[in-house]
mmCIF file of all heavy atoms, coordinates in Angstrom:
data_MODEL
# 
_entry.id   MODEL 
# 
loop_
_atom_site.group_PDB 
_atom_site.id 
_atom_site.type_symbol 
_atom_site.label_atom_id 
_atom_site.label_alt_id 
_atom_site.label_comp_id 
_atom_site.label_asym_id 
_atom_site.label_entity_id 
_atom_site.label_seq_id 
_atom_site.pdbx_PDB_ins_code 
_atom_site.Cartn_x 
_atom_site.Cartn_y 
_atom_site.Cartn_z 
_atom_site.occupancy 
_atom_site.B_iso_or_equiv 
_atom_site.pdbx_formal_charge 
_atom_site.auth_seq_id 
_atom_site.auth_comp_id 
_atom_site.auth_asym_id 
_atom_site.auth_atom_id 
_atom_site.pdbx_PDB_model_num 
ATOM 1   N N   . LEU A 1 1  ? -13.189 13.099 11.915  1.00 0.00 ? 1  LEU A N   1 
ATOM 2   C CA  . LEU A 1 1  ? -13.114 12.762 10.563  1.00 0.00 ? 1  LEU A CA  1 
ATOM 3   C C   . LEU A 1 1  ? -12.294 13.703 9.773   1.00 0.00 ? 1  LEU A C   1 
ATOM 4   O O   . LEU A 1 1  ? -11.450 13.388 8.831   1.00 0.00 ? 1  LEU A O   1 
ATOM 5   C CB  . LEU A 1 1  ? -14.405 12.519 10.026  1.00 0.00 ? 1  LEU A CB  1 
ATOM 6   C CG  . LEU A 1 1  ? -15.170 11.201 10.502  1.00 0.00 ? 1  LEU A CG  1 
ATOM 7   C CD1 . LEU A 1 1  ? -16.582 11.172 9.952   1.00 0.00 ? 1  LEU A CD1 1 
ATOM 8   C CD2 . LEU A 1 1  ? -14.352 9.992  10.186  1.00 0.00 ? 1  LEU A CD2 1 
ATOM 9   N N   . ILE A 1 2  ? -12.641 14.978 9.906   1.00 0.00 ? 2  ILE A N   1 
ATOM 10  C CA  . ILE A 1 2  ? -11.973 16.014 9.228   1.00 0.00 ? 2  ILE A CA  1 
ATOM 11  C C   . ILE A 1 2  ? -10.479 16.070 9.463   1.00 0.00 ? 2  ILE A C   1 
ATOM 12  O O   . ILE A 1 2  ? -9.634  16.195 8.694   1.00 0.00 ? 2  ILE A O   1 
ATOM 13  C CB  . ILE A 1 2  ? -12.652 17.427 9.480   1.00 0.00 ? 2  ILE A CB  1 
ATOM 14  C CG1 . ILE A 1 2  ? -13.984 17.405 8.913   1.00 0.00 ? 2  ILE A CG1 1 
ATOM 15  C CG2 . ILE A 1 2  ? -11.772 18.540 8.913   1.00 0.00 ? 2  ILE A CG2 1 
ATOM 16  C CD1 . ILE A 1 2  ? -14.756 18.729 9.339   1.00 0.00 ? 2  ILE A CD1 1 
ATOM 17  N N   . GLY A 1 3  ? -10.164 15.895 10.755  1.00 0.00 ? 3  GLY A N   1 
ATOM 18  C CA  . GLY A 1 3  ? -8.664  15.780 11.247  1.00 0.00 ? 3  GLY A CA  1 
ATOM 19  C C   . GLY A 1 3  ? -8.006  14.724 10.586  1.00 0.00 ? 3  GLY A C   1 
ATOM 20  O O   . GLY A 1 3  ? -6.999  14.755 10.055  1.00 0.00 ? 3  GLY A O   1 
ATOM 21  N N   . LEU A 1 4  ? -8.646  13.510 10.595  1.00 0.00 ? 4  LEU A N   1 
ATOM 22  C CA  . LEU A 1 4  ? -7.974  12.337 9.944   1.00 0.00 ? 4  LEU A CA  1 
ATOM 23  C C   . LEU A 1 4  ? -7.859  12.456 8.461   1.00 0.00 ? 4  LEU A C   1 
ATOM 24  O O   . LEU A 1 4  ? -6.691  12.121 7.886   1.00 0.00 ? 4  LEU A O   1 
ATOM 25  C CB  . LEU A 1 4  ? -8.838  11.095 10.204  1.00 0.00 ? 4  LEU A CB  1 
ATOM 26  C CG  . LEU A 1 4  ? -8.762  10.509 11.603  1.00 0.00 ? 4  LEU A CG  1 
ATOM 27  C CD1 . LEU A 1 4  ? -9.781  9.378  11.869  1.00 0.00 ? 4  LEU A CD1 1 
ATOM 28  C CD2 . LEU A 1 4  ? -7.372  10.078 11.877  1.00 0.00 ? 4  LEU A CD2 1 
ATOM 29  N N   . ILE A 1 5  ? -8.785  13.036 7.766   1.00 0.00 ? 5  ILE A N   1 
ATOM 30  C CA  . ILE A 1 5  ? -8.760  13.324 6.296   1.00 0.00 ? 5  ILE A CA  1 
ATOM 31  C C   . ILE A 1 5  ? -7.546  14.234 6.034   1.00 0.00 ? 5  ILE A C   1 
ATOM 32  O O   . ILE A 1 5  ? -6.819  14.012 5.140   1.00 0.00 ? 5  ILE A O   1 
ATOM 33  C CB  . ILE A 1 5  ? -10.061 13.695 5.799   1.00 0.00 ? 5  ILE A CB  1 
ATOM 34  C CG1 . ILE A 1 5  ? -11.000 12.562 5.799   1.00 0.00 ? 5  ILE A CG1 1 
ATOM 35  C CG2 . ILE A 1 5  ? -9.867  14.261 4.326   1.00 0.00 ? 5  ILE A CG2 1 
ATOM 36  C CD1 . ILE A 1 5  ? -12.492 13.017 5.425   1.00 0.00 ? 5  ILE A CD1 1 
ATOM 37  N N   . ALA A 1 6  ? -7.420  15.353 6.840   1.00 0.00 ? 6  ALA A N   1 
ATOM 38  C CA  . ALA A 1 6  ? -6.405  16.312 6.605   1.00 0.00 ? 6  ALA A CA  1 
ATOM 39  C C   . ALA A 1 6  ? -5.057  15.702 6.969   1.00 0.00 ? 6  ALA A C   1 
ATOM 40  O O   . ALA A 1 6  ? -4.196  15.888 5.990   1.00 0.00 ? 6  ALA A O   1 
ATOM 41  C CB  . ALA A 1 6  ? -6.723  17.625 7.591   1.00 0.00 ? 6  ALA A CB  1 
ATOM 42  N N   . LEU A 1 7  ? -5.089  14.985 7.865   1.00 0.00 ? 7  LEU A N   1 
ATOM 43  C CA  . LEU A 1 7  ? -3.674  14.266 8.202   1.00 0.00 ? 7  LEU A CA  1 
ATOM 44  C C   . LEU A 1 7  ? -3.265  13.316 7.149   1.00 0.00 ? 7  LEU A C   1 
ATOM 45  O O   . LEU A 1 7  ? -2.122  13.395 6.761   1.00 0.00 ? 7  LEU A O   1 
ATOM 46  C CB  . LEU A 1 7  ? -3.677  13.672 9.536   1.00 0.00 ? 7  LEU A CB  1 
ATOM 47  C CG  . LEU A 1 7  ? -2.440  13.126 10.054  1.00 0.00 ? 7  LEU A CG  1 
ATOM 48  C CD1 . LEU A 1 7  ? -1.403  14.182 10.322  1.00 0.00 ? 7  LEU A CD1 1 
ATOM 49  C CD2 . LEU A 1 7  ? -2.656  12.393 11.376  1.00 0.00 ? 7  LEU A CD2 1 
ATOM 50  N N   . ILE A 1 8  ? -4.145  12.437 6.729   1.00 0.00 ? 8  ILE A N   1 
ATOM 51  C CA  . ILE A 1 8  ? -3.775  11.469 5.759   1.00 0.00 ? 8  ILE A CA  1 
ATOM 52  C C   . ILE A 1 8  ? -3.474  12.129 4.394   1.00 0.00 ? 8  ILE A C   1 
ATOM 53  O O   . ILE A 1 8  ? -2.538  11.751 3.771   1.00 0.00 ? 8  ILE A O   1 
ATOM 54  C CB  . ILE A 1 8  ? -4.948  10.469 5.660   1.00 0.00 ? 8  ILE A CB  1 
ATOM 55  C CG1 . ILE A 1 8  ? -5.040  9.603  6.828   1.00 0.00 ? 8  ILE A CG1 1 
ATOM 56  C CG2 . ILE A 1 8  ? -4.863  9.539  4.236   1.00 0.00 ? 8  ILE A CG2 1 
ATOM 57  C CD1 . ILE A 1 8  ? -6.310  8.842  6.949   1.00 0.00 ? 8  ILE A CD1 1 
ATOM 58  N N   . THR A 1 9  ? -4.180  13.106 3.962   1.00 0.00 ? 9  THR A N   1 
ATOM 59  C CA  . THR A 1 9  ? -3.954  13.790 2.713   1.00 0.00 ? 9  THR A CA  1 
ATOM 60  C C   . THR A 1 9  ? -2.497  14.535 2.774   1.00 0.00 ? 9  THR A C   1 
ATOM 61  O O   . THR A 1 9  ? -1.858  14.552 1.843   1.00 0.00 ? 9  THR A O   1 
ATOM 62  C CB  . THR A 1 9  ? -5.114  14.603 2.221   1.00 0.00 ? 9  THR A CB  1 
ATOM 63  O OG1 . THR A 1 9  ? -5.288  15.713 3.192   1.00 0.00 ? 9  THR A OG1 1 
ATOM 64  C CG2 . THR A 1 9  ? -6.340  13.904 1.944   1.00 0.00 ? 9  THR A CG2 1 
ATOM 65  N N   . GLY A 1 10 ? -2.354  15.013 3.944   1.00 0.00 ? 10 GLY A N   1 
ATOM 66  C CA  . GLY A 1 10 ? -1.107  15.835 4.094   1.00 0.00 ? 10 GLY A CA  1 
ATOM 67  C C   . GLY A 1 10 ? 0.098   14.771 4.056   1.00 0.00 ? 10 GLY A C   1 
ATOM 68  O O   . GLY A 1 10 ? 1.187   15.159 3.512   1.00 0.00 ? 10 GLY A O   1 
ATOM 69  N N   . LEU A 1 11 ? 0.002   13.677 4.610   1.00 0.00 ? 11 LEU A N   1 
ATOM 70  C CA  . LEU A 1 11 ? 1.014   12.759 4.744   1.00 0.00 ? 11 LEU A CA  1 
ATOM 71  C C   . LEU A 1 11 ? 1.293   12.077 3.415   1.00 0.00 ? 11 LEU A C   1 
ATOM 72  O O   . LEU A 1 11 ? 2.425   11.745 2.980   1.00 0.00 ? 11 LEU A O   1 
ATOM 73  C CB  . LEU A 1 11 ? 0.793   11.682 5.785   1.00 0.00 ? 11 LEU A CB  1 
ATOM 74  C CG  . LEU A 1 11 ? 0.896   12.183 7.237   1.00 0.00 ? 11 LEU A CG  1 
ATOM 75  C CD1 . LEU A 1 11 ? 0.384   11.071 8.283   1.00 0.00 ? 11 LEU A CD1 1 
ATOM 76  C CD2 . LEU A 1 11 ? 2.152   12.650 7.539   1.00 0.00 ? 11 LEU A CD2 1 
ATOM 77  N N   . THR A 1 12 ? 0.202   11.683 2.604   1.00 0.00 ? 12 THR A N   1 
ATOM 78  C CA  . THR A 1 12 ? 0.332   10.951 1.290   1.00 0.00 ? 12 THR A CA  1 
ATOM 79  C C   . THR A 1 12 ? 0.770   12.070 0.142   1.00 0.00 ? 12 THR A C   1 
ATOM 80  O O   . THR A 1 12 ? 1.384   11.603 -0.797  1.00 0.00 ? 12 THR A O   1 
ATOM 81  C CB  . THR A 1 12 ? -0.966  10.422 0.923   1.00 0.00 ? 12 THR A CB  1 
ATOM 82  O OG1 . THR A 1 12 ? -1.947  11.226 0.940   1.00 0.00 ? 12 THR A OG1 1 
ATOM 83  C CG2 . THR A 1 12 ? -1.199  9.184  1.957   1.00 0.00 ? 12 THR A CG2 1 
ATOM 84  N N   . GLY A 1 13 ? 0.290   13.233 0.340   1.00 0.00 ? 13 GLY A N   1 
ATOM 85  C CA  . GLY A 1 13 ? 0.469   14.270 -0.710  1.00 0.00 ? 13 GLY A CA  1 
ATOM 86  C C   . GLY A 1 13 ? -0.463  14.239 -1.872  1.00 0.00 ? 13 GLY A C   1 
ATOM 87  O O   . GLY A 1 13 ? -0.237  14.779 -2.922  1.00 0.00 ? 13 GLY A O   1 
ATOM 88  N N   . PHE A 1 14 ? -1.555  13.407 -1.760  1.00 0.00 ? 14 PHE A N   1 
ATOM 89  C CA  . PHE A 1 14 ? -2.558  13.188 -2.607  1.00 0.00 ? 14 PHE A CA  1 
ATOM 90  C C   . PHE A 1 14 ? -3.980  13.624 -2.096  1.00 0.00 ? 14 PHE A C   1 
ATOM 91  O O   . PHE A 1 14 ? -4.308  13.195 -1.136  1.00 0.00 ? 14 PHE A O   1 
ATOM 92  C CB  . PHE A 1 14 ? -2.607  11.808 -3.137  1.00 0.00 ? 14 PHE A CB  1 
ATOM 93  C CG  . PHE A 1 14 ? -3.680  11.476 -4.091  1.00 0.00 ? 14 PHE A CG  1 
ATOM 94  C CD1 . PHE A 1 14 ? -3.653  11.900 -5.367  1.00 0.00 ? 14 PHE A CD1 1 
ATOM 95  C CD2 . PHE A 1 14 ? -4.939  10.966 -3.717  1.00 0.00 ? 14 PHE A CD2 1 
ATOM 96  C CE1 . PHE A 1 14 ? -4.598  11.555 -6.351  1.00 0.00 ? 14 PHE A CE1 1 
ATOM 97  C CE2 . PHE A 1 14 ? -5.921  10.603 -4.619  1.00 0.00 ? 14 PHE A CE2 1 
ATOM 98  C CZ  . PHE A 1 14 ? -5.654  11.043 -5.898  1.00 0.00 ? 14 PHE A CZ  1 
ATOM 99  N N   . CYS A 1 15 ? -4.656  14.502 -2.926  1.00 0.00 ? 15 CYS A N   1 
ATOM 100 C CA  . CYS A 1 15 ? -6.028  14.861 -2.509  1.00 0.00 ? 15 CYS A CA  1 
ATOM 101 C C   . CYS A 1 15 ? -6.972  14.489 -3.618  1.00 0.00 ? 15 CYS A C   1 
ATOM 102 O O   . CYS A 1 15 ? -6.835  14.844 -4.804  1.00 0.00 ? 15 CYS A O   1 
ATOM 103 C CB  . CYS A 1 15 ? -6.070  16.370 -2.311  1.00 0.00 ? 15 CYS A CB  1 
ATOM 104 S SG  . CYS A 1 15 ? -7.632  17.015 -1.908  1.00 0.00 ? 15 CYS A SG  1 
ATOM 105 N N   . ALA A 1 16 ? -7.946  13.642 -3.422  1.00 0.00 ? 16 ALA A N   1 
ATOM 106 C CA  . ALA A 1 16 ? -8.868  13.213 -4.425  1.00 0.00 ? 16 ALA A CA  1 
ATOM 107 C C   . ALA A 1 16 ? -9.748  14.381 -4.901  1.00 0.00 ? 16 ALA A C   1 
ATOM 108 O O   . ALA A 1 16 ? -9.991  14.403 -6.168  1.00 0.00 ? 16 ALA A O   1 
ATOM 109 C CB  . ALA A 1 16 ? -9.819  12.134 -3.735  1.00 0.00 ? 16 ALA A CB  1 
ATOM 110 N N   . ILE A 1 17 ? -10.009 15.301 -4.130  1.00 0.00 ? 17 ILE A N   1 
ATOM 111 C CA  . ILE A 1 17 ? -10.989 16.417 -4.595  1.00 0.00 ? 17 ILE A CA  1 
ATOM 112 C C   . ILE A 1 17 ? -10.075 17.349 -5.650  1.00 0.00 ? 17 ILE A C   1 
ATOM 113 O O   . ILE A 1 17 ? -10.492 17.681 -6.590  1.00 0.00 ? 17 ILE A O   1 
ATOM 114 C CB  . ILE A 1 17 ? -11.317 17.216 -3.389  1.00 0.00 ? 17 ILE A CB  1 
ATOM 115 C CG1 . ILE A 1 17 ? -12.286 16.514 -2.710  1.00 0.00 ? 17 ILE A CG1 1 
ATOM 116 C CG2 . ILE A 1 17 ? -12.047 18.580 -3.973  1.00 0.00 ? 17 ILE A CG2 1 
ATOM 117 C CD1 . ILE A 1 17 ? -12.751 17.031 -1.378  1.00 0.00 ? 17 ILE A CD1 1 
ATOM 118 N N   . TYR A 1 18 ? -8.731  17.599 -5.343  1.00 0.00 ? 18 TYR A N   1 
ATOM 119 C CA  . TYR A 1 18 ? -7.900  18.186 -6.180  1.00 0.00 ? 18 TYR A CA  1 
ATOM 120 C C   . TYR A 1 18 ? -7.816  17.330 -7.540  1.00 0.00 ? 18 TYR A C   1 
ATOM 121 O O   . TYR A 1 18 ? -7.850  17.897 -8.596  1.00 0.00 ? 18 TYR A O   1 
ATOM 122 C CB  . TYR A 1 18 ? -6.420  18.256 -5.674  1.00 0.00 ? 18 TYR A CB  1 
ATOM 123 C CG  . TYR A 1 18 ? -6.193  19.417 -4.750  1.00 0.00 ? 18 TYR A CG  1 
ATOM 124 C CD1 . TYR A 1 18 ? -7.092  20.121 -4.169  1.00 0.00 ? 18 TYR A CD1 1 
ATOM 125 C CD2 . TYR A 1 18 ? -4.821  19.642 -4.318  1.00 0.00 ? 18 TYR A CD2 1 
ATOM 126 C CE1 . TYR A 1 18 ? -6.936  21.216 -3.320  1.00 0.00 ? 18 TYR A CE1 1 
ATOM 127 C CE2 . TYR A 1 18 ? -4.589  20.769 -3.428  1.00 0.00 ? 18 TYR A CE2 1 
ATOM 128 C CZ  . TYR A 1 18 ? -5.677  21.444 -2.910  1.00 0.00 ? 18 TYR A CZ  1 
ATOM 129 O OH  . TYR A 1 18 ? -5.347  22.457 -2.106  1.00 0.00 ? 18 TYR A OH  1 
ATOM 130 N N   . LYS A 1 19 ? -7.731  16.055 -7.491  1.00 0.00 ? 19 LYS A N   1 
ATOM 131 C CA  . LYS A 1 19 ? -7.779  15.173 -8.702  1.00 0.00 ? 19 LYS A CA  1 
ATOM 132 C C   . LYS A 1 19 ? -9.004  15.435 -9.541  1.00 0.00 ? 19 LYS A C   1 
ATOM 133 O O   . LYS A 1 19 ? -8.879  15.570 -10.810 1.00 0.00 ? 19 LYS A O   1 
ATOM 134 C CB  . LYS A 1 19 ? -7.501  13.750 -8.300  1.00 0.00 ? 19 LYS A CB  1 
ATOM 135 C CG  . LYS A 1 19 ? -7.457  12.827 -9.427  1.00 0.00 ? 19 LYS A CG  1 
ATOM 136 C CD  . LYS A 1 19 ? -6.130  12.811 -10.189 1.00 0.00 ? 19 LYS A CD  1 
ATOM 137 C CE  . LYS A 1 19 ? -5.973  11.616 -11.094 1.00 0.00 ? 19 LYS A CE  1 
ATOM 138 N NZ  . LYS A 1 19 ? -4.734  11.691 -11.723 1.00 0.00 ? 19 LYS A NZ  1 
ATOM 139 N N   . LEU A 1 20 ? -10.144 15.375 -8.852  1.00 0.00 ? 20 LEU A N   1 
ATOM 140 C CA  . LEU A 1 20 ? -11.394 15.470 -9.577  1.00 0.00 ? 20 LEU A CA  1 
ATOM 141 C C   . LEU A 1 20 ? -11.488 16.959 -10.202 1.00 0.00 ? 20 LEU A C   1 
ATOM 142 O O   . LEU A 1 20 ? -12.109 17.036 -11.397 1.00 0.00 ? 20 LEU A O   1 
ATOM 143 C CB  . LEU A 1 20 ? -12.533 15.434 -8.554  1.00 0.00 ? 20 LEU A CB  1 
ATOM 144 C CG  . LEU A 1 20 ? -12.840 13.976 -8.157  1.00 0.00 ? 20 LEU A CG  1 
ATOM 145 C CD1 . LEU A 1 20 ? -13.947 13.951 -7.086  1.00 0.00 ? 20 LEU A CD1 1 
ATOM 146 C CD2 . LEU A 1 20 ? -13.254 13.095 -9.331  1.00 0.00 ? 20 LEU A CD2 1 
ATOM 147 N N   . LEU A 1 21 ? -10.984 17.831 -9.471  1.00 0.00 ? 21 LEU A N   1 
ATOM 148 C CA  . LEU A 1 21 ? -11.033 19.309 -10.140 1.00 0.00 ? 21 LEU A CA  1 
ATOM 149 C C   . LEU A 1 21 ? -10.000 19.626 -11.041 1.00 0.00 ? 21 LEU A C   1 
ATOM 150 O O   . LEU A 1 21 ? -9.941  20.762 -11.730 1.00 0.00 ? 21 LEU A O   1 
ATOM 151 C CB  . LEU A 1 21 ? -11.131 20.373 -8.979  1.00 0.00 ? 21 LEU A CB  1 
ATOM 152 C CG  . LEU A 1 21 ? -12.465 20.238 -8.038  1.00 0.00 ? 21 LEU A CG  1 
ATOM 153 C CD1 . LEU A 1 21 ? -12.221 21.098 -6.904  1.00 0.00 ? 21 LEU A CD1 1 
ATOM 154 C CD2 . LEU A 1 21 ? -13.611 20.471 -8.771  1.00 0.00 ? 21 LEU A CD2 1 
ATOM 155 N N   . GLY A 1 22 ? -8.888  18.821 -11.185 1.00 0.00 ? 22 GLY A N   1 
ATOM 156 C CA  . GLY A 1 22 ? -7.734  19.177 -11.928 1.00 0.00 ? 22 GLY A CA  1 
ATOM 157 C C   . GLY A 1 22 ? -6.753  20.150 -11.428 1.00 0.00 ? 22 GLY A C   1 
ATOM 158 O O   . GLY A 1 22 ? -6.049  20.777 -12.174 1.00 0.00 ? 22 GLY A O   1 
ATOM 159 N N   . ILE A 1 23 ? -6.725  20.299 -10.114 1.00 0.00 ? 23 ILE A N   1 
ATOM 160 C CA  . ILE A 1 23 ? -5.901  21.149 -9.359  1.00 0.00 ? 23 ILE A CA  1 
ATOM 161 C C   . ILE A 1 23 ? -4.614  20.445 -8.926  1.00 0.00 ? 23 ILE A C   1 
ATOM 162 O O   . ILE A 1 23 ? -4.661  19.261 -8.405  1.00 0.00 ? 23 ILE A O   1 
ATOM 163 C CB  . ILE A 1 23 ? -6.657  21.718 -8.258  1.00 0.00 ? 23 ILE A CB  1 
ATOM 164 C CG1 . ILE A 1 23 ? -7.871  22.448 -8.675  1.00 0.00 ? 23 ILE A CG1 1 
ATOM 165 C CG2 . ILE A 1 23 ? -5.705  22.720 -7.369  1.00 0.00 ? 23 ILE A CG2 1 
ATOM 166 C CD1 . ILE A 1 23 ? -8.820  23.025 -7.582  1.00 0.00 ? 23 ILE A CD1 1 
ATOM 167 N N   . SER A 1 24 ? -3.454  21.150 -8.875  1.00 0.00 ? 24 SER A N   1 
ATOM 168 C CA  . SER A 1 24 ? -2.271  20.681 -8.348  1.00 0.00 ? 24 SER A CA  1 
ATOM 169 C C   . SER A 1 24 ? -1.511  21.858 -7.838  1.00 0.00 ? 24 SER A C   1 
ATOM 170 O O   . SER A 1 24 ? -1.380  22.891 -8.423  1.00 0.00 ? 24 SER A O   1 
ATOM 171 C CB  . SER A 1 24 ? -1.400  20.007 -9.462  1.00 0.00 ? 24 SER A CB  1 
ATOM 172 O OG  . SER A 1 24 ? -0.186  19.546 -8.682  1.00 0.00 ? 24 SER A OG  1 
ATOM 173 N N   . THR A 1 25 ? -1.071  21.745 -6.511  1.00 0.00 ? 25 THR A N   1 
ATOM 174 C CA  . THR A 1 25 ? -0.285  22.769 -5.958  1.00 0.00 ? 25 THR A CA  1 
ATOM 175 C C   . THR A 1 25 ? 1.180   22.405 -5.759  1.00 0.00 ? 25 THR A C   1 
ATOM 176 O O   . THR A 1 25 ? 2.091   23.060 -5.270  1.00 0.00 ? 25 THR A O   1 
ATOM 177 C CB  . THR A 1 25 ? -0.815  23.036 -4.462  1.00 0.00 ? 25 THR A CB  1 
ATOM 178 O OG1 . THR A 1 25 ? -0.721  21.967 -3.696  1.00 0.00 ? 25 THR A OG1 1 
ATOM 179 C CG2 . THR A 1 25 ? -2.191  23.752 -4.603  1.00 0.00 ? 25 THR A CG2 1 
# 
């Protein structure tokens, strides 16, 4: 699950946790 989440967020360029915290790299 951690591997899939990391891969999907890396491929899409969107992280929901970053969005909730107002972070953008």
